[in-house]
């Protein structure tokens, strides 16, 4: 079974929860995917540290949120996942899942 992560990351996330958020996926998924939305350089660098599947989409989030997510899902589909684990950067799985 192939499992990939799916998260959209905005500016300033590297200074918040992004590293521990991404670290939780390392033992759980086959591939971490990230969509950067107007991300700053520090966030961009951290995203590329964890993933080779990084999409950058700088359209306005509030106006194009549904289109950004749709296009990101299309981007992830080439990985042919059986499951996609979708979470926000401030959400964490219970430690018992690891």
Protein backbone atom coordinates (compact mmCIF):
# COMPACT_ATOMS: atom_id res chain seq x y z
CA UNK A 1 0.00 0.00 0.00
CA UNK A 2 1.34 3.44 -0.97
CA UNK A 3 0.61 6.37 1.38
CA UNK A 4 1.52 10.01 0.71
CA UNK A 5 1.03 13.14 2.81
CA UNK A 6 -0.83 16.16 1.48
CA UNK A 7 -0.49 19.62 3.04
CA UNK A 8 -0.55 23.24 1.93
CA UNK A 9 2.06 25.43 3.62
CA UNK A 10 1.91 29.21 3.83
CA UNK A 11 4.45 31.91 4.69
CA UNK A 12 6.18 31.81 8.05
CA UNK A 13 5.39 28.15 8.76
CA UNK A 14 9.09 27.28 9.22
CA UNK A 15 9.06 29.52 12.30
CA UNK A 16 6.07 27.68 13.78
CA UNK A 17 5.25 23.96 13.65
CA UNK A 18 6.47 22.89 10.21
CA UNK A 19 9.52 20.82 11.21
CA UNK A 20 7.79 18.66 13.88
CA UNK A 21 4.72 18.45 11.65
CA UNK A 22 6.77 17.00 8.76
CA UNK A 23 8.86 14.79 11.04
CA UNK A 24 5.74 12.93 12.17
CA UNK A 25 5.20 11.68 8.60
CA UNK A 26 8.66 10.19 8.08
CA UNK A 27 7.83 6.77 9.60
CA UNK A 28 4.23 6.74 8.35
CA UNK A 29 4.14 7.63 4.67
CA UNK A 30 5.95 6.55 1.55
CA UNK A 31 6.28 10.10 0.32
CA UNK A 32 5.80 13.56 1.81
CA UNK A 33 4.25 16.04 -0.62
CA UNK A 34 3.96 19.76 0.03
CA UNK A 35 2.20 22.63 -1.71
CA UNK A 36 3.84 25.97 -0.93
CA UNK A 37 1.50 28.93 -1.10
CA UNK A 38 3.32 32.27 -1.07
CA UNK A 39 5.98 30.72 1.17
CA UNK A 40 9.02 32.60 2.40
CA UNK A 41 12.54 31.34 1.69
CA UNK A 42 13.01 29.67 5.10
CA UNK A 43 9.76 27.72 4.70
CA UNK A 44 10.65 26.80 1.12
CA UNK A 45 14.06 25.48 2.21
CA UNK A 46 12.54 23.37 5.00
CA UNK A 47 9.92 21.93 2.63
CA UNK A 48 12.62 20.84 0.18
CA UNK A 49 14.58 19.29 3.04
CA UNK A 50 11.71 16.85 3.63
CA UNK A 51 10.34 16.35 0.13
CA UNK A 52 11.21 16.17 -3.53
CA UNK A 53 7.48 16.51 -4.33
CA UNK A 54 7.01 20.22 -3.73
CA UNK A 55 4.53 22.27 -5.72
CA UNK A 56 4.63 26.06 -5.56
CA UNK A 57 1.33 27.82 -6.13
CA UNK A 58 1.23 31.53 -5.32
CA UNK A 59 -2.38 32.29 -6.20
CA UNK A 60 -4.36 34.12 -3.52
CA UNK A 61 -5.39 31.56 -0.87
CA UNK A 62 -8.77 33.01 0.12
CA UNK A 63 -9.87 33.43 -3.46
CA UNK A 64 -8.44 30.30 -5.09
CA UNK A 65 -8.22 27.82 -2.20
CA UNK A 66 -10.37 25.19 -3.91
CA UNK A 67 -8.47 25.47 -7.20
CA UNK A 68 -5.09 25.32 -5.46
CA UNK A 69 -6.09 22.13 -3.63
CA UNK A 70 -7.53 20.60 -6.81
CA UNK A 71 -4.36 21.31 -8.78
CA UNK A 72 -2.23 20.00 -5.92
CA UNK A 73 -4.25 16.78 -5.84
CA UNK A 74 -3.62 16.42 -9.57
CA UNK A 75 0.11 16.96 -8.92
CA UNK A 76 0.10 14.21 -6.25
CA UNK A 77 -1.84 11.75 -8.43
CA UNK A 78 1.27 10.88 -10.49
CA UNK A 79 2.58 9.14 -7.35
CA UNK A 80 -0.35 6.70 -7.58
CA UNK A 81 -1.12 6.63 -3.85
CA UNK A 82 -3.57 4.19 -2.32
CA UNK A 83 -4.13 6.62 0.55
CA UNK A 84 -3.53 10.34 0.97
CA UNK A 85 -3.04 11.64 4.50
CA UNK A 86 -4.28 15.25 4.49
CA UNK A 87 -3.52 17.53 7.43
CA UNK A 88 -2.91 21.19 8.28
CA UNK A 89 0.50 22.26 9.62
CA UNK A 90 -0.86 22.78 13.12
CA UNK A 91 -2.38 19.28 13.36
CA UNK A 92 -0.57 16.32 14.87
CA UNK A 93 -1.30 12.62 15.01
CA UNK A 94 -1.57 10.90 18.37
CA UNK A 95 1.86 9.50 19.35
CA UNK A 96 0.30 6.01 19.62
CA UNK A 97 -0.03 5.91 15.82
CA UNK A 98 3.74 5.73 15.34
